[in-house]
Full PDB file with SEQRES, HELIX, SHEET, SSBOND, CRYST1, ORIGX, SCALE, CONECT and MASTER records, all heavy atoms in Angstrom:
SEQRES   1 A   38  GLY MET MET PHE ALA ASN HIS PHE PRO ALA THR LYS GLU          
SEQRES   2 A   38  LEU TYR HIS SER ILE TYR PHE THR PHE ASN ASN CYS TRP          
SEQRES   3 A   38  ILE ILE ASN ILE ALA MET PRO MET PHE VAL PHE ILE              
HELIX    1 AA1 PRO A    9  THR A   11  5                                   3    
HELIX    2 AA2 LYS A   12  LEU A   14  1                                   3    
HELIX    3 AA3 TYR A   15  TYR A   19  3                                   5    
HELIX    4 AA4 PHE A   20  PHE A   22  1                                   3    
HELIX    5 AA5 ASN A   23  ILE A   27  3                                   5    
HELIX    6 AA6 ILE A   28  PHE A   37  1                                  10    
CRYST1    1.000    1.000    1.000  90.00  90.00  90.00 P 1           1          
ORIGX1      1.000000  0.000000  0.000000        0.00000                         
ORIGX2      0.000000  1.000000  0.000000        0.00000                         
ORIGX3      0.000000  0.000000  1.000000        0.00000                         
SCALE1      1.000000  0.000000  0.000000        0.00000                         
SCALE2      0.000000  1.000000  0.000000        0.00000                         
SCALE3      0.000000  0.000000  1.000000        0.00000                         
ATOM      1  N   GLY A   1     -31.700  51.777  23.395  1.00  0.00           N  
ATOM      2  CA  GLY A   1     -33.078  51.467  23.294  1.00  0.00           C  
ATOM      3  C   GLY A   1     -33.930  52.121  24.358  1.00  0.00           C  
ATOM      4  O   GLY A   1     -35.128  52.379  24.112  1.00  0.00           O  
ATOM      5  N   MET A   2     -33.407  52.277  25.517  1.00  0.00           N  
ATOM      6  CA  MET A   2     -34.146  52.886  26.573  1.00  0.00           C  
ATOM      7  C   MET A   2     -34.477  54.356  26.305  1.00  0.00           C  
ATOM      8  O   MET A   2     -35.488  54.930  26.684  1.00  0.00           O  
ATOM      9  CB  MET A   2     -33.401  52.867  27.958  1.00  0.00           C  
ATOM     10  CG  MET A   2     -33.179  51.472  28.522  1.00  0.00           C  
ATOM     11  SD  MET A   2     -34.762  50.604  28.824  1.00  0.00           S  
ATOM     12  CE  MET A   2     -35.034  49.483  27.483  1.00  0.00           C  
ATOM     13  N   MET A   3     -33.623  55.047  25.528  1.00  0.00           N  
ATOM     14  CA  MET A   3     -33.920  56.446  25.133  1.00  0.00           C  
ATOM     15  C   MET A   3     -35.123  56.462  24.189  1.00  0.00           C  
ATOM     16  O   MET A   3     -35.873  57.416  24.195  1.00  0.00           O  
ATOM     17  CB  MET A   3     -32.689  56.984  24.396  1.00  0.00           C  
ATOM     18  CG  MET A   3     -31.504  57.142  25.310  1.00  0.00           C  
ATOM     19  SD  MET A   3     -29.994  57.685  24.590  1.00  0.00           S  
ATOM     20  CE  MET A   3     -30.401  59.346  24.308  1.00  0.00           C  
ATOM     21  N   PHE A   4     -35.313  55.311  23.412  1.00  0.00           N  
ATOM     22  CA  PHE A   4     -36.469  55.236  22.473  1.00  0.00           C  
ATOM     23  C   PHE A   4     -37.747  55.125  23.294  1.00  0.00           C  
ATOM     24  O   PHE A   4     -38.838  55.534  22.773  1.00  0.00           O  
ATOM     25  CB  PHE A   4     -36.245  54.123  21.561  1.00  0.00           C  
ATOM     26  CG  PHE A   4     -37.392  54.004  20.544  1.00  0.00           C  
ATOM     27  CD1 PHE A   4     -37.575  55.002  19.584  1.00  0.00           C  
ATOM     28  CD2 PHE A   4     -38.194  52.894  20.610  1.00  0.00           C  
ATOM     29  CE1 PHE A   4     -38.555  54.752  18.630  1.00  0.00           C  
ATOM     30  CE2 PHE A   4     -39.151  52.705  19.643  1.00  0.00           C  
ATOM     31  CZ  PHE A   4     -39.337  53.710  18.678  1.00  0.00           C  
ATOM     32  N   ALA A   5     -37.676  54.629  24.493  1.00  0.00           N  
ATOM     33  CA  ALA A   5     -38.837  54.391  25.348  1.00  0.00           C  
ATOM     34  C   ALA A   5     -39.287  55.633  26.026  1.00  0.00           C  
ATOM     35  O   ALA A   5     -40.134  55.534  26.964  1.00  0.00           O  
ATOM     36  CB  ALA A   5     -38.553  53.275  26.265  1.00  0.00           C  
ATOM     37  N   ASN A   6     -38.767  56.806  25.735  1.00  0.00           N  
ATOM     38  CA  ASN A   6     -39.187  58.073  26.294  1.00  0.00           C  
ATOM     39  C   ASN A   6     -38.766  58.213  27.732  1.00  0.00           C  
ATOM     40  O   ASN A   6     -39.475  59.008  28.486  1.00  0.00           O  
ATOM     41  CB  ASN A   6     -40.677  58.373  26.167  1.00  0.00           C  
ATOM     42  CG  ASN A   6     -41.016  58.601  24.645  1.00  0.00           C  
ATOM     43  OD1 ASN A   6     -40.203  59.156  23.888  1.00  0.00           O  
ATOM     44  ND2 ASN A   6     -42.211  58.192  24.253  1.00  0.00           N  
ATOM     45  N   HIS A   7     -37.843  57.494  28.215  1.00  0.00           N  
ATOM     46  CA  HIS A   7     -37.333  57.712  29.540  1.00  0.00           C  
ATOM     47  C   HIS A   7     -36.603  58.948  29.717  1.00  0.00           C  
ATOM     48  O   HIS A   7     -36.494  59.588  30.762  1.00  0.00           O  
ATOM     49  CB  HIS A   7     -36.478  56.540  30.011  1.00  0.00           C  
ATOM     50  CG  HIS A   7     -37.261  55.272  30.125  1.00  0.00           C  
ATOM     51  ND1 HIS A   7     -38.364  55.091  30.948  1.00  0.00           N  
ATOM     52  CD2 HIS A   7     -37.065  54.049  29.569  1.00  0.00           C  
ATOM     53  CE1 HIS A   7     -38.763  53.865  30.807  1.00  0.00           C  
ATOM     54  NE2 HIS A   7     -38.073  53.232  29.966  1.00  0.00           N  
ATOM     55  N   PHE A   8     -36.054  59.429  28.578  1.00  0.00           N  
ATOM     56  CA  PHE A   8     -35.236  60.686  28.483  1.00  0.00           C  
ATOM     57  C   PHE A   8     -35.765  61.563  27.405  1.00  0.00           C  
ATOM     58  O   PHE A   8     -35.232  61.707  26.351  1.00  0.00           O  
ATOM     59  CB  PHE A   8     -33.796  60.302  28.336  1.00  0.00           C  
ATOM     60  CG  PHE A   8     -33.163  59.300  29.273  1.00  0.00           C  
ATOM     61  CD1 PHE A   8     -33.121  57.979  28.810  1.00  0.00           C  
ATOM     62  CD2 PHE A   8     -32.803  59.724  30.543  1.00  0.00           C  
ATOM     63  CE1 PHE A   8     -32.532  57.034  29.708  1.00  0.00           C  
ATOM     64  CE2 PHE A   8     -32.338  58.678  31.280  1.00  0.00           C  
ATOM     65  CZ  PHE A   8     -32.173  57.371  31.016  1.00  0.00           C  
ATOM     66  N   PRO A   9     -36.838  62.326  27.762  1.00  0.00           N  
ATOM     67  CA  PRO A   9     -37.537  63.166  26.811  1.00  0.00           C  
ATOM     68  C   PRO A   9     -36.543  64.270  26.104  1.00  0.00           C  
ATOM     69  O   PRO A   9     -36.691  64.455  24.937  1.00  0.00           O  
ATOM     70  CB  PRO A   9     -38.693  63.847  27.557  1.00  0.00           C  
ATOM     71  CG  PRO A   9     -38.850  63.123  28.782  1.00  0.00           C  
ATOM     72  CD  PRO A   9     -37.564  62.357  29.037  1.00  0.00           C  
ATOM     73  N   ALA A  10     -35.703  64.681  26.793  1.00  0.00           N  
ATOM     74  CA  ALA A  10     -34.717  65.687  26.311  1.00  0.00           C  
ATOM     75  C   ALA A  10     -33.910  65.113  25.131  1.00  0.00           C  
ATOM     76  O   ALA A  10     -33.430  65.879  24.205  1.00  0.00           O  
ATOM     77  CB  ALA A  10     -33.876  66.337  27.284  1.00  0.00           C  
ATOM     78  N   THR A  11     -33.602  63.924  25.117  1.00  0.00           N  
ATOM     79  CA  THR A  11     -32.743  63.276  24.027  1.00  0.00           C  
ATOM     80  C   THR A  11     -33.574  62.493  23.041  1.00  0.00           C  
ATOM     81  O   THR A  11     -32.954  61.899  22.091  1.00  0.00           O  
ATOM     82  CB  THR A  11     -31.766  62.285  24.739  1.00  0.00           C  
ATOM     83  OG1 THR A  11     -32.517  61.306  25.457  1.00  0.00           O  
ATOM     84  CG2 THR A  11     -30.906  63.019  25.686  1.00  0.00           C  
ATOM     85  N   LYS A  12     -34.853  62.541  23.014  1.00  0.00           N  
ATOM     86  CA  LYS A  12     -35.707  61.790  22.191  1.00  0.00           C  
ATOM     87  C   LYS A  12     -35.414  62.144  20.680  1.00  0.00           C  
ATOM     88  O   LYS A  12     -35.174  61.311  19.822  1.00  0.00           O  
ATOM     89  CB  LYS A  12     -37.170  61.957  22.385  1.00  0.00           C  
ATOM     90  CG  LYS A  12     -38.046  61.128  21.531  1.00  0.00           C  
ATOM     91  CD  LYS A  12     -39.546  61.225  21.953  1.00  0.00           C  
ATOM     92  CE  LYS A  12     -40.367  60.339  21.019  1.00  0.00           C  
ATOM     93  NZ  LYS A  12     -41.725  60.549  21.309  1.00  0.00           N  
ATOM     94  N   GLU A  13     -35.395  63.462  20.368  1.00  0.00           N  
ATOM     95  CA  GLU A  13     -35.096  63.912  18.995  1.00  0.00           C  
ATOM     96  C   GLU A  13     -33.712  63.459  18.550  1.00  0.00           C  
ATOM     97  O   GLU A  13     -33.512  63.085  17.435  1.00  0.00           O  
ATOM     98  CB  GLU A  13     -35.376  65.323  18.861  1.00  0.00           C  
ATOM     99  CG  GLU A  13     -36.815  65.818  18.901  1.00  0.00           C  
ATOM    100  CD  GLU A  13     -37.618  65.199  17.822  1.00  0.00           C  
ATOM    101  OE1 GLU A  13     -37.177  65.046  16.649  1.00  0.00           O  
ATOM    102  OE2 GLU A  13     -38.713  64.626  18.210  1.00  0.00           O  
ATOM    103  N   LEU A  14     -32.741  63.678  19.408  1.00  0.00           N  
ATOM    104  CA  LEU A  14     -31.370  63.299  19.014  1.00  0.00           C  
ATOM    105  C   LEU A  14     -31.346  61.797  18.819  1.00  0.00           C  
ATOM    106  O   LEU A  14     -30.694  61.335  17.758  1.00  0.00           O  
ATOM    107  CB  LEU A  14     -30.410  63.670  20.189  1.00  0.00           C  
ATOM    108  CG  LEU A  14     -28.986  63.217  20.015  1.00  0.00           C  
ATOM    109  CD1 LEU A  14     -28.341  63.933  18.786  1.00  0.00           C  
ATOM    110  CD2 LEU A  14     -28.159  63.445  21.265  1.00  0.00           C  
ATOM    111  N   TYR A  15     -31.992  61.049  19.630  1.00  0.00           N  
ATOM    112  CA  TYR A  15     -32.030  59.637  19.405  1.00  0.00           C  
ATOM    113  C   TYR A  15     -32.591  59.202  18.063  1.00  0.00           C  
ATOM    114  O   TYR A  15     -32.027  58.458  17.336  1.00  0.00           O  
ATOM    115  CB  TYR A  15     -32.798  58.880  20.607  1.00  0.00           C  
ATOM    116  CG  TYR A  15     -32.845  57.460  20.409  1.00  0.00           C  
ATOM    117  CD1 TYR A  15     -31.746  56.625  20.667  1.00  0.00           C  
ATOM    118  CD2 TYR A  15     -33.998  56.798  19.852  1.00  0.00           C  
ATOM    119  CE1 TYR A  15     -31.743  55.257  20.487  1.00  0.00           C  
ATOM    120  CE2 TYR A  15     -33.985  55.483  19.629  1.00  0.00           C  
ATOM    121  CZ  TYR A  15     -33.024  54.658  19.956  1.00  0.00           C  
ATOM    122  OH  TYR A  15     -32.903  53.345  19.721  1.00  0.00           O  
ATOM    123  N   HIS A  16     -33.737  59.746  17.798  1.00  0.00           N  
ATOM    124  CA  HIS A  16     -34.422  59.470  16.563  1.00  0.00           C  
ATOM    125  C   HIS A  16     -33.611  59.921  15.326  1.00  0.00           C  
ATOM    126  O   HIS A  16     -33.607  59.249  14.296  1.00  0.00           O  
ATOM    127  CB  HIS A  16     -35.867  60.070  16.441  1.00  0.00           C  
ATOM    128  CG  HIS A  16     -36.763  59.335  17.225  1.00  0.00           C  
ATOM    129  ND1 HIS A  16     -37.427  58.158  16.696  1.00  0.00           N  
ATOM    130  CD2 HIS A  16     -37.340  59.546  18.453  1.00  0.00           C  
ATOM    131  CE1 HIS A  16     -38.218  57.632  17.572  1.00  0.00           C  
ATOM    132  NE2 HIS A  16     -38.192  58.426  18.669  1.00  0.00           N  
ATOM    133  N   SER A  17     -32.861  60.995  15.449  1.00  0.00           N  
ATOM    134  CA  SER A  17     -32.167  61.488  14.353  1.00  0.00           C  
ATOM    135  C   SER A  17     -30.807  60.752  14.088  1.00  0.00           C  
ATOM    136  O   SER A  17     -30.376  60.646  12.983  1.00  0.00           O  
ATOM    137  CB  SER A  17     -31.912  63.015  14.345  1.00  0.00           C  
ATOM    138  OG  SER A  17     -31.101  63.298  15.454  1.00  0.00           O  
ATOM    139  N   ILE A  18     -30.253  60.295  15.095  1.00  0.00           N  
ATOM    140  CA  ILE A  18     -28.896  59.684  15.009  1.00  0.00           C  
ATOM    141  C   ILE A  18     -28.812  58.170  15.320  1.00  0.00           C  
ATOM    142  O   ILE A  18     -28.557  57.392  14.561  1.00  0.00           O  
ATOM    143  CB  ILE A  18     -27.841  60.464  15.802  1.00  0.00           C  
ATOM    144  CG1 ILE A  18     -27.685  61.900  15.412  1.00  0.00           C  
ATOM    145  CG2 ILE A  18     -26.490  59.796  15.797  1.00  0.00           C  
ATOM    146  CD1 ILE A  18     -26.883  62.758  16.258  1.00  0.00           C  
ATOM    147  N   TYR A  19     -29.165  57.987  16.569  1.00  0.00           N  
ATOM    148  CA  TYR A  19     -28.954  56.589  17.212  1.00  0.00           C  
ATOM    149  C   TYR A  19     -29.937  55.618  16.608  1.00  0.00           C  
ATOM    150  O   TYR A  19     -29.608  54.424  16.430  1.00  0.00           O  
ATOM    151  CB  TYR A  19     -29.052  56.601  18.630  1.00  0.00           C  
ATOM    152  CG  TYR A  19     -27.950  57.417  19.351  1.00  0.00           C  
ATOM    153  CD1 TYR A  19     -28.098  58.496  19.957  1.00  0.00           C  
ATOM    154  CD2 TYR A  19     -26.642  56.954  19.213  1.00  0.00           C  
ATOM    155  CE1 TYR A  19     -27.026  59.294  20.617  1.00  0.00           C  
ATOM    156  CE2 TYR A  19     -25.584  57.557  19.701  1.00  0.00           C  
ATOM    157  CZ  TYR A  19     -25.786  58.790  20.421  1.00  0.00           C  
ATOM    158  OH  TYR A  19     -24.865  59.474  21.059  1.00  0.00           O  
ATOM    159  N   PHE A  20     -31.186  55.984  16.329  1.00  0.00           N  
ATOM    160  CA  PHE A  20     -32.160  54.999  16.004  1.00  0.00           C  
ATOM    161  C   PHE A  20     -31.729  54.245  14.712  1.00  0.00           C  
ATOM    162  O   PHE A  20     -31.713  53.059  14.689  1.00  0.00           O  
ATOM    163  CB  PHE A  20     -33.535  55.640  15.731  1.00  0.00           C  
ATOM    164  CG  PHE A  20     -34.710  54.637  15.421  1.00  0.00           C  
ATOM    165  CD1 PHE A  20     -35.195  53.851  16.328  1.00  0.00           C  
ATOM    166  CD2 PHE A  20     -35.011  54.551  14.054  1.00  0.00           C  
ATOM    167  CE1 PHE A  20     -36.162  52.943  15.901  1.00  0.00           C  
ATOM    168  CE2 PHE A  20     -35.908  53.658  13.718  1.00  0.00           C  
ATOM    169  CZ  PHE A  20     -36.539  52.837  14.679  1.00  0.00           C  
ATOM    170  N   THR A  21     -31.337  54.973  13.678  1.00  0.00           N  
ATOM    171  CA  THR A  21     -30.905  54.403  12.559  1.00  0.00           C  
ATOM    172  C   THR A  21     -29.681  53.494  12.645  1.00  0.00           C  
ATOM    173  O   THR A  21     -29.637  52.348  12.258  1.00  0.00           O  
ATOM    174  CB  THR A  21     -30.715  55.415  11.363  1.00  0.00           C  
ATOM    175  OG1 THR A  21     -31.960  56.110  11.153  1.00  0.00           O  
ATOM    176  CG2 THR A  21     -30.291  54.754  10.026  1.00  0.00           C  
ATOM    177  N   PHE A  22     -28.782  54.067  13.317  1.00  0.00           N  
ATOM    178  CA  PHE A  22     -27.522  53.418  13.534  1.00  0.00           C  
ATOM    179  C   PHE A  22     -27.704  52.138  14.352  1.00  0.00           C  
ATOM    180  O   PHE A  22     -27.169  51.022  14.076  1.00  0.00           O  
ATOM    181  CB  PHE A  22     -26.420  54.313  14.164  1.00  0.00           C  
ATOM    182  CG  PHE A  22     -25.110  53.754  14.427  1.00  0.00           C  
ATOM    183  CD1 PHE A  22     -24.308  53.382  13.303  1.00  0.00           C  
ATOM    184  CD2 PHE A  22     -24.632  53.418  15.731  1.00  0.00           C  
ATOM    185  CE1 PHE A  22     -23.045  52.814  13.567  1.00  0.00           C  
ATOM    186  CE2 PHE A  22     -23.466  52.867  16.056  1.00  0.00           C  
ATOM    187  CZ  PHE A  22     -22.636  52.582  14.822  1.00  0.00           C  
ATOM    188  N   ASN A  23     -28.476  52.283  15.434  1.00  0.00           N  
ATOM    189  CA  ASN A  23     -28.634  51.232  16.482  1.00  0.00           C  
ATOM    190  C   ASN A  23     -29.573  50.108  15.867  1.00  0.00           C  
ATOM    191  O   ASN A  23     -29.228  48.957  15.885  1.00  0.00           O  
ATOM    192  CB  ASN A  23     -29.302  51.783  17.634  1.00  0.00           C  
ATOM    193  CG  ASN A  23     -28.887  51.137  18.870  1.00  0.00           C  
ATOM    194  OD1 ASN A  23     -28.014  50.370  18.922  1.00  0.00           O  
ATOM    195  ND2 ASN A  23     -29.580  51.484  20.026  1.00  0.00           N  
ATOM    196  N   ASN A  24     -30.739  50.454  15.308  1.00  0.00           N  
ATOM    197  CA  ASN A  24     -31.662  49.432  14.911  1.00  0.00           C  
ATOM    198  C   ASN A  24     -31.319  48.934  13.470  1.00  0.00           C  
ATOM    199  O   ASN A  24     -31.802  47.798  13.190  1.00  0.00           O  
ATOM    200  CB  ASN A  24     -33.053  50.011  14.846  1.00  0.00           C  
ATOM    201  CG  ASN A  24     -33.680  50.063  16.311  1.00  0.00           C  
ATOM    202  OD1 ASN A  24     -33.023  49.673  17.147  1.00  0.00           O  
ATOM    203  ND2 ASN A  24     -34.870  50.584  16.442  1.00  0.00           N  
ATOM    204  N   CYS A  25     -30.744  49.696  12.630  1.00  0.00           N  
ATOM    205  CA  CYS A  25     -30.438  49.233  11.310  1.00  0.00           C  
ATOM    206  C   CYS A  25     -29.096  48.614  11.065  1.00  0.00           C  
ATOM    207  O   CYS A  25     -28.847  47.874  10.128  1.00  0.00           O  
ATOM    208  CB  CYS A  25     -30.620  50.373  10.300  1.00  0.00           C  
ATOM    209  SG  CYS A  25     -32.384  50.979  10.262  1.00  0.00           S  
ATOM    210  N   TRP A  26     -28.120  48.991  12.001  1.00  0.00           N  
ATOM    211  CA  TRP A  26     -26.820  48.435  11.799  1.00  0.00           C  
ATOM    212  C   TRP A  26     -26.341  47.498  12.964  1.00  0.00           C  
ATOM    213  O   TRP A  26     -26.023  46.296  12.737  1.00  0.00           O  
ATOM    214  CB  TRP A  26     -25.835  49.632  11.667  1.00  0.00           C  
ATOM    215  CG  TRP A  26     -25.972  50.239  10.350  1.00  0.00           C  
ATOM    216  CD1 TRP A  26     -26.724  51.383  10.189  1.00  0.00           C  
ATOM    217  CD2 TRP A  26     -25.519  49.884   9.040  1.00  0.00           C  
ATOM    218  NE1 TRP A  26     -26.683  51.700   8.840  1.00  0.00           N  
ATOM    219  CE2 TRP A  26     -25.923  50.742   8.129  1.00  0.00           C  
ATOM    220  CE3 TRP A  26     -24.661  48.836   8.657  1.00  0.00           C  
ATOM    221  CZ2 TRP A  26     -25.581  50.777   6.778  1.00  0.00           C  
ATOM    222  CZ3 TRP A  26     -24.328  48.792   7.323  1.00  0.00           C  
ATOM    223  CH2 TRP A  26     -24.867  49.737   6.397  1.00  0.00           C  
ATOM    224  N   ILE A  27     -26.272  48.032  14.148  1.00  0.00           N  
ATOM    225  CA  ILE A  27     -25.636  47.352  15.262  1.00  0.00           C  
ATOM    226  C   ILE A  27     -26.318  45.986  15.572  1.00  0.00           C  
ATOM    227  O   ILE A  27     -25.686  45.031  15.587  1.00  0.00           O  
ATOM    228  CB  ILE A  27     -25.557  48.207  16.485  1.00  0.00           C  
ATOM    229  CG1 ILE A  27     -24.555  49.330  16.281  1.00  0.00           C  
ATOM    230  CG2 ILE A  27     -25.281  47.480  17.747  1.00  0.00           C  
ATOM    231  CD1 ILE A  27     -24.418  50.270  17.518  1.00  0.00           C  
ATOM    232  N   ILE A  28     -27.602  45.970  15.718  1.00  0.00           N  
ATOM    233  CA  ILE A  28     -28.259  44.808  16.239  1.00  0.00           C  
ATOM    234  C   ILE A  28     -28.420  43.864  15.117  1.00  0.00           C  
ATOM    235  O   ILE A  28     -28.345  42.665  15.300  1.00  0.00           O  
ATOM    236  CB  ILE A  28     -29.714  45.167  16.857  1.00  0.00           C  
ATOM    237  CG1 ILE A  28     -30.098  43.970  17.763  1.00  0.00           C  
ATOM    238  CG2 ILE A  28     -30.775  45.404  15.859  1.00  0.00           C  
ATOM    239  CD1 ILE A  28     -29.216  43.786  18.945  1.00  0.00           C  
ATOM    240  N   ASN A  29     -28.448  44.278  13.846  1.00  0.00           N  
ATOM    241  CA  ASN A  29     -28.453  43.419  12.688  1.00  0.00           C  
ATOM    242  C   ASN A  29     -27.148  42.727  12.394  1.00  0.00           C  
ATOM    243  O   ASN A  29     -27.055  41.845  11.614  1.00  0.00           O  
ATOM    244  CB  ASN A  29     -28.989  44.137  11.429  1.00  0.00           C  
ATOM    245  CG  ASN A  29     -30.496  44.535  11.587  1.00  0.00           C  
ATOM    246  OD1 ASN A  29     -31.228  43.737  12.177  1.00  0.00           O  
ATOM    247  ND2 ASN A  29     -30.853  45.646  11.041  1.00  0.00           N  
ATOM    248  N   ILE A  30     -26.087  43.213  13.057  1.00  0.00           N  
ATOM    249  CA  ILE A  30     -24.741  42.538  12.979  1.00  0.00           C  
ATOM    250  C   ILE A  30     -24.528  41.745  14.272  1.00  0.00           C  
ATOM    251  O   ILE A  30     -24.054  40.649  14.147  1.00  0.00           O  
ATOM    252  CB  ILE A  30     -23.673  43.588  12.715  1.00  0.00           C  
ATOM    253  CG1 ILE A  30     -23.847  44.276  11.372  1.00  0.00           C  
ATOM    254  CG2 ILE A  30     -22.340  42.994  12.801  1.00  0.00           C  
ATOM    255  CD1 ILE A  30     -22.962  45.508  11.153  1.00  0.00           C  
ATOM    256  N   ALA A  31     -24.790  42.369  15.344  1.00  0.00           N  
ATOM    257  CA  ALA A  31     -24.550  41.790  16.570  1.00  0.00           C  
ATOM    258  C   ALA A  31     -25.262  40.416  16.863  1.00  0.00           C  
ATOM    259  O   ALA A  31     -24.603  39.428  17.321  1.00  0.00           O  
ATOM    260  CB  ALA A  31     -24.706  42.662  17.791  1.00  0.00           C  
ATOM    261  N   MET A  32     -26.518  40.430  16.768  1.00  0.00           N  
ATOM    262  CA  MET A  32     -27.289  39.221  17.013  1.00  0.00           C  
ATOM    263  C   MET A  32     -26.889  38.017  16.162  1.00  0.00           C  
ATOM    264  O   MET A  32     -26.613  36.929  16.641  1.00  0.00           O  
ATOM    265  CB  MET A  32     -28.769  39.500  17.021  1.00  0.00           C  
ATOM    266  CG  MET A  32     -29.288  40.240  18.199  1.00  0.00           C  
ATOM    267  SD  MET A  32     -28.839  39.639  19.750  1.00  0.00           S  
ATOM    268  CE  MET A  32     -29.592  37.993  19.798  1.00  0.00           C  
ATOM    269  N   PRO A  33     -26.898  38.238  14.793  1.00  0.00           N  
ATOM    270  CA  PRO A  33     -26.446  37.129  13.974  1.00  0.00           C  
ATOM    271  C   PRO A  33     -24.987  36.560  14.342  1.00  0.00           C  
ATOM    272  O   PRO A  33     -24.769  35.438  14.334  1.00  0.00           O  
ATOM    273  CB  PRO A  33     -26.492  37.597  12.552  1.00  0.00           C  
ATOM    274  CG  PRO A  33     -27.528  38.632  12.553  1.00  0.00           C  
ATOM    275  CD  PRO A  33     -27.333  39.297  13.909  1.00  0.00           C  
ATOM    276  N   MET A  34     -24.149  37.595  14.612  1.00  0.00           N  
ATOM    277  CA  MET A  34     -22.817  37.196  15.064  1.00  0.00           C  
ATOM    278  C   MET A  34     -22.799  36.362  16.296  1.00  0.00           C  
ATOM    279  O   MET A  34     -22.052  35.412  16.461  1.00  0.00           O  
ATOM    280  CB  MET A  34     -21.924  38.433  15.152  1.00  0.00           C  
ATOM    281  CG  MET A  34     -20.444  38.108  15.389  1.00  0.00           C  
ATOM    282  SD  MET A  34     -19.162  39.432  15.336  1.00  0.00           S  
ATOM    283  CE  MET A  34     -20.011  40.826  15.888  1.00  0.00           C  
ATOM    284  N   PHE A  35     -23.597  36.823  17.215  1.00  0.00           N  
ATOM    285  CA  PHE A  35     -23.561  36.151  18.589  1.00  0.00           C  
ATOM    286  C   PHE A  35     -24.177  34.755  18.377  1.00  0.00           C  
ATOM    287  O   PHE A  35     -23.594  33.811  18.962  1.00  0.00           O  
ATOM    288  CB  PHE A  35     -24.539  37.025  19.592  1.00  0.00           C  
ATOM    289  CG  PHE A  35     -24.218  36.643  20.954  1.00  0.00           C  
ATOM    290  CD1 PHE A  35     -23.193  37.200  21.586  1.00  0.00           C  
ATOM    291  CD2 PHE A  35     -25.066  35.774  21.661  1.00  0.00           C  
ATOM    292  CE1 PHE A  35     -22.963  36.885  22.956  1.00  0.00           C  
ATOM    293  CE2 PHE A  35     -24.886  35.511  23.012  1.00  0.00           C  
ATOM    294  CZ  PHE A  35     -23.833  36.055  23.633  1.00  0.00           C  
ATOM    295  N   VAL A  36     -25.202  34.556  17.658  1.00  0.00           N  
ATOM    296  CA  VAL A  36     -25.710  33.269  17.376  1.00  0.00           C  
ATOM    297  C   VAL A  36     -24.819  32.406  16.536  1.00  0.00           C  
ATOM    298  O   VAL A  36     -24.576  31.160  16.880  1.00  0.00           O  
ATOM    299  CB  VAL A  36     -27.045  33.288  16.639  1.00  0.00           C  
ATOM    300  CG1 VAL A  36     -27.608  31.916  16.316  1.00  0.00           C  
ATOM    301  CG2 VAL A  36     -28.123  34.142  17.540  1.00  0.00           C  
ATOM    302  N   PHE A  37     -24.025  32.990  15.606  1.00  0.00           N  
ATOM    303  CA  PHE A  37     -23.050  32.379  14.797  1.00  0.00           C  
ATOM    304  C   PHE A  37     -21.913  31.796  15.649  1.00  0.00           C  
ATOM    305  O   PHE A  37     -21.601  30.622  15.566  1.00  0.00           O  
ATOM    306  CB  PHE A  37     -22.539  33.272  13.755  1.00  0.00           C  
ATOM    307  CG  PHE A  37     -21.422  32.752  12.999  1.00  0.00           C  
ATOM    308  CD1 PHE A  37     -21.726  32.060  11.739  1.00  0.00           C  
ATOM    309  CD2 PHE A  37     -20.100  32.920  13.293  1.00  0.00           C  
ATOM    310  CE1 PHE A  37     -20.703  31.555  10.900  1.00  0.00           C  
ATOM    311  CE2 PHE A  37     -19.054  32.402  12.506  1.00  0.00           C  
ATOM    312  CZ  PHE A  37     -19.378  31.782  11.279  1.00  0.00           C  
ATOM    313  N   ILE A  38     -21.474  32.587  16.546  1.00  0.00           N  
ATOM    314  CA  ILE A  38     -20.406  32.262  17.473  1.00  0.00           C  
ATOM    315  C   ILE A  38     -20.866  31.070  18.421  1.00  0.00           C  
ATOM    316  O   ILE A  38     -20.135  30.123  18.662  1.00  0.00           O  
ATOM    317  CB  ILE A  38     -19.914  33.471  18.257  1.00  0.00           C  
ATOM    318  CG1 ILE A  38     -19.140  34.426  17.397  1.00  0.00           C  
ATOM    319  CG2 ILE A  38     -19.024  33.002  19.426  1.00  0.00           C  
ATOM    320  CD1 ILE A  38     -18.876  35.801  17.933  1.00  0.00           C  
TER     321      ILE A  38                                                      
MASTER        0    0    0    6    0    0    0    6  320    1    0    3          
END                                                                             
């Protein structure tokens, strides 16, 4: 998520093309409900 905040401008495009979808649409949508469930 820190990459999304433009702390690392060289990786911004890579982040948006790969990690953003994976991170925001998959990982956190599984991890947070699982953490609260547990």
